[in-house]
Amino acid sequence: MTESQATPRLTSLAHGGGCGCKIAPGVLSGLLSRYAGPLAPPELLVGRETSDDAAVYRLNDEQALIATTDFFMPVVDDPFDFGRIAAANALSDVYAMGGRPILALAIVGMPVNVLPPEVIAEVLRGGESICAEAGIPVAGGHTIDSVEPIYGLAAMGLAHPRDIKRNCDAQAGDVLILGKPLGVGVLSAAFKQGLLDAAGYAAMIDSTTRLNRPGAEIARLPGVHAITDVTGFGLLGHALEMARGSQLQAHIDTARLPWLPAVPELAAAGVVTGASGRNWASYGDAVDGIADATLRALLTDPQTSGGLLVACAPEAAADVLACFHRDGFAHASAIGELRPGPAQVVVRGRATTSAPPASA
């Protein structure tokens, strides 16, 4: 690359960005159904059968190893921010299982003839900065020369086997608590269209780079039954995974949902991602109560490095919210509950243009 050539925007080199790059859930289910299930030794506590966030392998009576991998194309143009977002998103899977990360390996694919070395180095530095914040090393990794920029981590963590929280163990009567505000996909679409102001960008970066560390503490609280994180399939998709795995009906109250700044207004103006439509096409037949197109786009919006979704007994809800709030998750909110009934999601309310108070 000559000095006269301008460095291209990272997002211009990718056909999608962040967790919006995920294969649609319906397509993914079809792919996974085409081959035989994996070996399932008794030490494998969590495999792919429950669509959980990570695999879990029992090492001994006191330790279980959590293993996950997550990577995607850039959702922003700043290479340092891209690395931070991707790393936080990958580590979230460990926290969602109730564990604490112990190390990570970098997954790097870069168009080396298009991006200068210093830009690629900034992506790696961003990822390492988040891992340092989590208290873990990036102990190695793998790199390839690829057409589109790709970055992420293979992450490993530890937990006591009794503290592992699958997404299929929710109980009837559980409260649903969401740790982060929604709308990352909408803001990323606004960013690509030049419609996102500095305050909106700052809010998006703050949310997507905030580590879901409360997951490890929340998993140990009495009355917490299931945890997952809300990422590429949107709030509806991940709530539906929990409902199907637990054979319960998830009820969501839209009046209680926390939003990132200006997200409902942008969605109402048509600023949405293509992934939201793919998500709805994959699981919309298992969702009841949405007639409004804007609300549908909001609730299927892919969340990159989104919040934890916790199912807990009503008497544990205050402790779960306190745990979130102590770690700076000011918008953590109780957004619904799980009830007996067909495995589906039932939505109450309509699209709103106002965010709930931080203490909701």
Protein backbone atom coordinates (compact mmCIF):
# COMPACT_ATOMS: atom_id res chain seq x y z
CA MET A 1 0.00 0.00 0.00
CA THR A 2 1.56 3.33 -1.05
CA GLU A 3 1.52 6.47 1.06
CA SER A 4 -0.76 8.11 -1.50
CA GLN A 5 -3.48 5.55 -0.91
CA ALA A 6 -5.97 6.39 1.83
CA THR A 7 -6.68 3.70 4.39
CA PRO A 8 -10.22 2.44 3.72
CA ARG A 9 -12.89 2.48 6.40
CA LEU A 10 -13.00 -0.87 8.15
CA THR A 11 -16.75 -1.17 7.72
CA SER A 12 -16.39 -0.58 3.95
CA LEU A 13 -14.42 -3.83 3.70
CA ALA A 14 -17.13 -6.02 5.24
CA HIS A 15 -20.52 -7.13 3.95
CA GLY A 16 -21.85 -7.09 7.53
CA GLY A 17 -20.68 -6.14 10.97
CA GLY A 18 -20.66 -7.34 14.56
CA CYS A 19 -23.13 -9.99 15.61
CA GLY A 20 -25.29 -9.01 12.65
CA CYS A 21 -22.89 -11.23 10.67
CA LYS A 22 -24.34 -14.35 12.29
CA ILE A 23 -25.99 -16.92 10.09
CA ALA A 24 -29.75 -16.57 10.58
CA PRO A 25 -31.05 -18.90 13.31
CA GLY A 26 -33.32 -20.83 10.94
CA VAL A 27 -30.48 -21.46 8.50
CA LEU A 28 -28.15 -22.44 11.33
CA SER A 29 -30.64 -24.98 12.69
CA GLY A 30 -30.88 -26.55 9.25
CA LEU A 31 -27.11 -26.81 8.94
CA LEU A 32 -26.69 -28.41 12.36
CA SER A 33 -29.42 -30.94 11.66
CA ARG A 34 -27.47 -32.34 8.70
CA TYR A 35 -24.77 -34.12 10.66
CA ALA A 36 -24.62 -36.51 13.57
CA GLY A 37 -24.38 -35.26 17.11
CA PRO A 38 -20.99 -35.01 18.82
CA LEU A 39 -19.50 -37.53 21.19
CA ALA A 40 -20.96 -36.90 24.62
CA PRO A 41 -18.69 -38.18 27.39
CA PRO A 42 -20.12 -37.78 30.90
CA GLU A 43 -17.63 -34.98 31.58
CA LEU A 44 -19.27 -32.83 28.86
CA LEU A 45 -21.75 -30.88 30.97
CA VAL A 46 -22.90 -28.57 28.15
CA GLY A 47 -22.63 -29.31 24.45
CA ARG A 48 -24.51 -27.91 21.47
CA GLU A 49 -27.84 -29.59 22.24
CA THR A 50 -29.21 -26.62 24.21
CA SER A 51 -27.93 -23.79 21.95
CA ASP A 52 -25.99 -22.47 24.91
CA ASP A 53 -23.33 -19.78 24.90
CA ALA A 54 -20.32 -22.06 25.48
CA ALA A 55 -19.28 -25.67 25.94
CA VAL A 56 -18.56 -26.84 29.47
CA TYR A 57 -16.32 -29.79 30.44
CA ARG A 58 -16.04 -31.07 34.02
CA LEU A 59 -12.39 -31.28 35.05
CA ASN A 60 -13.03 -32.49 38.60
CA ASP A 61 -15.55 -32.08 41.40
CA GLU A 62 -14.51 -28.45 41.94
CA GLN A 63 -13.77 -27.16 38.44
CA ALA A 64 -15.48 -27.04 35.08
CA LEU A 65 -13.77 -25.66 31.96
CA ILE A 66 -15.83 -23.25 29.83
CA ALA A 67 -14.76 -22.94 26.18
CA THR A 68 -16.15 -20.66 23.49
CA THR A 69 -15.20 -18.88 20.28
CA ASP A 70 -16.63 -15.70 18.80
CA PHE A 71 -15.47 -13.47 15.95
CA PHE A 72 -16.94 -11.13 13.36
CA MET A 73 -16.38 -8.32 10.87
CA PRO A 74 -16.09 -4.69 12.06
CA VAL A 75 -19.10 -2.80 13.35
CA VAL A 76 -17.08 0.46 13.63
CA ASP A 77 -14.19 2.01 11.72
CA ASP A 78 -11.84 2.71 14.63
CA PRO A 79 -9.57 -0.37 14.77
CA PHE A 80 -8.94 -0.09 18.52
CA ASP A 81 -12.68 0.07 19.23
CA PHE A 82 -13.30 -2.85 16.86
CA GLY A 83 -10.82 -4.98 18.79
CA ARG A 84 -12.34 -3.98 22.13
CA ILE A 85 -15.91 -4.75 21.03
CA ALA A 86 -15.01 -8.14 19.56
CA ALA A 87 -13.06 -9.18 22.65
CA ALA A 88 -15.80 -8.11 25.07
CA ASN A 89 -18.35 -9.97 22.98
CA ALA A 90 -16.31 -13.19 23.06
CA LEU A 91 -15.66 -13.06 26.81
CA SER A 92 -19.37 -12.51 27.40
CA ASP A 93 -20.04 -16.17 26.61
CA VAL A 94 -17.90 -17.24 29.56
CA TYR A 95 -19.67 -14.85 31.91
CA ALA A 96 -23.06 -16.01 30.58
CA MET A 97 -22.27 -19.56 31.68
CA GLY A 98 -21.44 -18.34 35.19
CA GLY A 99 -17.67 -18.49 34.83
CA ARG A 100 -14.60 -16.30 34.99
CA PRO A 101 -12.23 -16.13 31.98
CA ILE A 102 -8.71 -17.49 32.42
CA LEU A 103 -7.14 -16.96 28.98
CA ALA A 104 -7.90 -16.17 25.36
CA LEU A 105 -6.52 -16.96 21.91
CA ALA A 106 -6.83 -14.39 19.13
CA ILE A 107 -8.65 -15.20 15.88
CA VAL A 108 -7.42 -12.83 13.17
CA GLY A 109 -8.26 -12.61 9.48
CA MET A 110 -7.12 -9.42 7.73
CA PRO A 111 -6.73 -8.19 4.14
CA VAL A 112 -3.03 -7.56 4.58
CA ASN A 113 -2.61 -5.94 1.16
CA VAL A 114 -5.37 -3.43 1.92
CA LEU A 115 -4.91 -2.51 5.57
CA PRO A 116 -1.57 -1.13 6.80
CA PRO A 117 0.16 -3.05 9.61
CA GLU A 118 -0.44 -0.29 12.13
CA VAL A 119 -4.22 -0.56 11.66
CA ILE A 120 -4.16 -4.33 12.17
CA ALA A 121 -1.96 -3.85 15.22
CA GLU A 122 -4.53 -1.45 16.70
CA VAL A 123 -7.25 -4.12 16.38
CA LEU A 124 -5.05 -6.54 18.30
CA ARG A 125 -4.20 -3.89 20.89
CA GLY A 126 -7.88 -3.17 21.42
CA GLY A 127 -8.62 -6.83 22.04
CA GLU A 128 -5.70 -7.16 24.43
CA SER A 129 -6.86 -4.08 26.37
CA ILE A 130 -10.22 -5.73 27.11
CA CYS A 131 -8.55 -8.99 28.07
CA ALA A 132 -6.27 -7.04 30.43
CA GLU A 133 -9.38 -5.45 31.93
CA ALA A 134 -10.74 -8.98 32.47
CA GLY A 135 -7.44 -9.95 34.06
CA ILE A 136 -6.42 -12.53 31.46
CA PRO A 137 -3.69 -12.89 28.81
CA VAL A 138 -4.07 -13.30 25.09
CA ALA A 139 -1.87 -16.38 25.11
CA GLY A 140 -1.65 -17.05 21.38
CA GLY A 141 -3.92 -17.35 18.37
CA HIS A 142 -4.09 -17.83 14.62
CA THR A 143 -3.95 -15.42 11.69
CA ILE A 144 -4.93 -15.63 8.04
CA ASP A 145 -4.94 -13.28 5.06
CA SER A 146 -8.64 -12.83 4.31
CA VAL A 147 -10.76 -10.71 2.00
CA GLU A 148 -12.69 -9.12 4.87
CA PRO A 149 -11.32 -8.03 8.26
CA ILE A 150 -12.24 -10.52 10.99
CA TYR A 151 -11.29 -10.48 14.66
CA GLY A 152 -12.38 -12.32 17.79
CA LEU A 153 -11.28 -14.69 20.49
CA ALA A 154 -11.37 -18.29 21.54
CA ALA A 155 -11.89 -17.86 25.27
CA MET A 156 -11.67 -20.25 28.19
CA GLY A 157 -12.91 -19.88 31.73
CA LEU A 158 -13.50 -21.78 34.93
CA ALA A 159 -16.46 -22.24 37.27
CA HIS A 160 -17.59 -24.65 39.92
CA PRO A 161 -19.81 -27.26 38.21
CA ARG A 162 -22.73 -26.31 40.47
CA ASP A 163 -22.49 -22.66 39.31
CA ILE A 164 -22.83 -23.41 35.60
CA LYS A 165 -25.97 -21.72 34.29
CA ARG A 166 -27.49 -23.12 31.10
CA ASN A 167 -30.19 -21.29 29.16
CA CYS A 168 -32.57 -24.26 29.47
CA ASP A 169 -33.01 -24.38 33.25
CA ALA A 170 -35.42 -21.50 33.79
CA GLN A 171 -38.46 -22.19 35.96
CA ALA A 172 -42.09 -21.14 35.78
CA GLY A 173 -42.55 -17.89 37.67
CA ASP A 174 -38.99 -16.68 37.04
CA VAL A 175 -38.39 -13.00 36.45
CA LEU A 176 -36.45 -12.03 33.31
CA ILE A 177 -33.74 -9.41 33.93
CA LEU A 178 -31.76 -7.75 31.12
CA GLY A 179 -28.34 -6.29 31.94
CA LYS A 180 -27.75 -3.81 29.10
CA PRO A 181 -29.92 -1.44 27.04
CA LEU A 182 -30.93 -2.55 23.55
CA GLY A 183 -30.32 -1.03 20.14
CA VAL A 184 -26.71 -1.71 19.12
CA GLY A 185 -27.74 -2.90 15.66
CA VAL A 186 -29.82 0.22 15.03
CA LEU A 187 -26.98 2.49 16.13
CA SER A 188 -24.49 0.60 13.98
CA ALA A 189 -26.82 1.04 10.99
CA ALA A 190 -27.08 4.75 11.79
CA PHE A 191 -23.28 4.93 11.99
CA LYS A 192 -22.88 3.40 8.54
CA GLN A 193 -25.42 5.86 7.14
CA GLY A 194 -23.71 8.87 8.72
CA LEU A 195 -26.67 9.49 11.03
CA LEU A 196 -25.05 8.76 14.40
CA ASP A 197 -23.87 11.75 16.42
CA ALA A 198 -20.93 11.75 18.82
CA ALA A 199 -23.12 11.09 21.87
CA GLY A 200 -24.77 8.11 20.17
CA TYR A 201 -21.42 6.67 19.15
CA ALA A 202 -20.06 7.09 22.68
CA ALA A 203 -23.11 5.31 24.13
CA MET A 204 -22.71 2.44 21.66
CA ILE A 205 -19.01 2.01 22.48
CA ASP A 206 -19.65 2.19 26.22
CA SER A 207 -22.27 -0.55 25.99
CA THR A 208 -20.42 -2.88 23.62
CA THR A 209 -17.09 -2.71 25.47
CA ARG A 210 -18.56 -3.16 28.96
CA LEU A 211 -17.61 -6.61 30.22
CA ASN A 212 -20.51 -8.76 31.45
CA ARG A 213 -18.54 -9.58 34.61
CA PRO A 214 -21.59 -9.65 36.90
CA GLY A 215 -22.49 -13.01 35.33
CA ALA A 216 -20.00 -14.90 37.50
CA GLU A 217 -21.37 -13.39 40.71
CA ILE A 218 -25.01 -13.63 39.64
CA ALA A 219 -24.61 -17.34 38.83
CA ARG A 220 -23.78 -18.00 42.48
CA LEU A 221 -26.86 -16.22 43.85
CA PRO A 222 -29.62 -18.44 45.27
CA GLY A 223 -32.67 -18.48 43.04
CA VAL A 224 -30.81 -17.80 39.74
CA HIS A 225 -31.75 -20.58 37.35
CA ALA A 226 -30.66 -19.64 33.81
CA ILE A 227 -28.43 -17.09 32.06
CA THR A 228 -27.71 -16.31 28.42
CA ASP A 229 -26.49 -13.22 26.59
CA VAL A 230 -28.43 -11.27 23.99
CA THR A 231 -26.40 -11.05 20.79
CA GLY A 232 -26.98 -11.62 17.08
CA PHE A 233 -30.46 -13.18 17.25
CA GLY A 234 -31.89 -10.19 19.10
CA LEU A 235 -33.84 -10.11 22.35
CA LEU A 236 -36.66 -12.21 20.91
CA GLY A 237 -34.34 -14.89 19.52
CA HIS A 238 -32.39 -15.42 22.72
CA ALA A 239 -35.49 -15.25 24.92
CA LEU A 240 -37.03 -17.87 22.63
CA GLU A 241 -33.99 -20.14 23.05
CA MET A 242 -34.47 -19.92 26.81
CA ALA A 243 -38.22 -20.54 26.50
CA ARG A 244 -37.77 -23.55 24.20
CA GLY A 245 -34.98 -25.05 26.27
CA SER A 246 -37.00 -24.68 29.47
CA GLN A 247 -40.35 -25.57 27.86
CA LEU A 248 -41.92 -22.36 29.12
CA GLN A 249 -43.53 -19.22 27.72
CA ALA A 250 -41.48 -16.02 27.93
CA HIS A 251 -43.50 -12.83 28.46
CA ILE A 252 -41.81 -9.50 27.67
CA ASP A 253 -43.21 -6.08 28.64
CA THR A 254 -41.97 -3.49 26.16
CA ALA A 255 -42.67 -0.62 28.57
CA ARG A 256 -39.88 -1.96 30.79
CA LEU A 257 -37.21 -2.37 28.11
CA PRO A 258 -34.11 -0.13 28.34
CA TRP A 259 -32.93 1.49 25.09
CA LEU A 260 -29.72 3.13 24.00
CA PRO A 261 -30.18 6.83 23.11
CA ALA A 262 -32.48 7.62 20.15
CA VAL A 263 -32.84 3.96 19.14
CA PRO A 264 -36.68 3.83 18.95
CA GLU A 265 -36.76 7.06 16.95
CA LEU A 266 -34.14 5.83 14.50
CA ALA A 267 -35.95 2.51 14.03
CA ALA A 268 -39.23 4.37 13.43
CA ALA A 269 -37.42 6.29 10.68
CA GLY A 270 -36.39 3.04 9.02
CA VAL A 271 -32.80 2.85 10.30
CA VAL A 272 -32.53 -0.90 10.93
CA THR A 273 -30.25 -3.77 9.95
CA GLY A 274 -30.91 -6.49 7.40
CA ALA A 275 -30.24 -9.04 10.13
CA SER A 276 -33.40 -8.03 11.99
CA GLY A 277 -35.51 -9.15 9.03
CA ARG A 278 -33.60 -12.43 8.76
CA ASN A 279 -34.09 -13.03 12.46
CA TRP A 280 -37.84 -12.50 12.21
CA ALA A 281 -38.11 -14.81 9.22
CA SER A 282 -36.37 -17.52 11.26
CA TYR A 283 -38.48 -17.44 14.42
CA GLY A 284 -41.36 -15.00 14.01
CA ASP A 285 -43.90 -17.82 13.98
CA ALA A 286 -43.01 -18.50 17.64
CA VAL A 287 -43.65 -14.90 18.75
CA ASP A 288 -47.07 -13.54 19.68
CA GLY A 289 -48.19 -9.97 20.23
CA ILE A 290 -46.26 -7.94 17.63
CA ALA A 291 -48.23 -6.17 14.95
CA ASP A 292 -46.07 -3.06 14.72
CA ALA A 293 -43.19 -3.19 12.22
CA THR A 294 -40.99 -0.82 14.25
CA LEU A 295 -41.38 -2.87 17.41
CA ARG A 296 -40.59 -6.03 15.45
CA ALA A 297 -37.39 -4.45 14.10
CA LEU A 298 -36.37 -3.32 17.58
CA LEU A 299 -36.90 -6.67 19.28
CA THR A 300 -35.11 -8.62 16.53
CA ASP A 301 -32.26 -6.10 16.34
CA PRO A 302 -28.91 -7.94 16.54
CA GLN A 303 -26.97 -6.95 19.65
CA THR A 304 -23.20 -6.98 19.42
CA SER A 305 -21.74 -7.60 22.88
CA GLY A 306 -25.23 -7.30 24.34
CA GLY A 307 -26.46 -7.74 27.87
CA LEU A 308 -26.99 -10.83 29.99
CA LEU A 309 -30.54 -12.18 30.19
CA VAL A 310 -31.12 -13.73 33.61
CA ALA A 311 -34.02 -15.92 34.73
CA CYS A 312 -34.41 -15.93 38.50
CA ALA A 313 -36.98 -16.51 41.21
CA PRO A 314 -38.91 -13.33 42.11
CA GLU A 315 -37.29 -13.20 45.55
CA ALA A 316 -33.82 -13.14 43.90
CA ALA A 317 -34.58 -10.30 41.48
CA ALA A 318 -33.49 -7.50 43.83
CA ASP A 319 -30.13 -9.18 44.44
CA VAL A 320 -29.57 -9.72 40.71
CA LEU A 321 -30.36 -6.07 39.93
CA ALA A 322 -28.12 -4.91 42.79
CA CYS A 323 -25.26 -6.99 41.41
CA PHE A 324 -25.65 -5.37 37.99
CA HIS A 325 -25.95 -1.87 39.40
CA ARG A 326 -22.85 -2.24 41.61
CA ASP A 327 -20.78 -2.99 38.50
CA GLY A 328 -22.05 0.06 36.60
CA PHE A 329 -24.91 -1.52 34.65
CA ALA A 330 -27.26 1.35 35.41
CA HIS A 331 -29.98 0.30 32.97
CA ALA A 332 -30.35 -3.29 34.15
CA SER A 333 -34.10 -3.92 34.28
CA ALA A 334 -36.69 -6.58 35.00
CA ILE A 335 -38.38 -6.93 31.61
CA GLY A 336 -40.78 -9.85 31.95
CA GLU A 337 -41.31 -13.33 33.30
CA LEU A 338 -41.56 -16.99 32.39
CA ARG A 339 -44.90 -18.79 32.64
CA PRO A 340 -46.24 -22.26 31.94
CA GLY A 341 -47.44 -22.63 28.37
CA PRO A 342 -46.27 -23.31 24.82
CA ALA A 343 -42.57 -22.62 24.23
CA GLN A 344 -42.84 -19.18 22.64
CA VAL A 345 -42.40 -15.47 23.36
CA VAL A 346 -45.39 -13.27 24.12
CA VAL A 347 -44.87 -9.51 23.79
CA ARG A 348 -46.96 -6.98 25.67
CA GLY A 349 -47.00 -3.28 24.83
CA ARG A 350 -45.78 -1.34 21.83
CA ALA A 351 -42.76 0.54 20.58
CA THR A 352 -41.75 3.35 22.90
CA THR A 353 -39.61 6.43 22.35
CA SER A 354 -38.69 6.90 25.99
CA ALA A 355 -36.11 4.98 27.99
CA PRO A 356 -36.95 3.74 31.49
CA PRO A 357 -35.15 5.33 34.45
CA ALA A 358 -31.72 3.89 35.19
CA SER A 359 -32.99 2.34 38.39
CA ALA A 360 -35.85 0.47 36.67
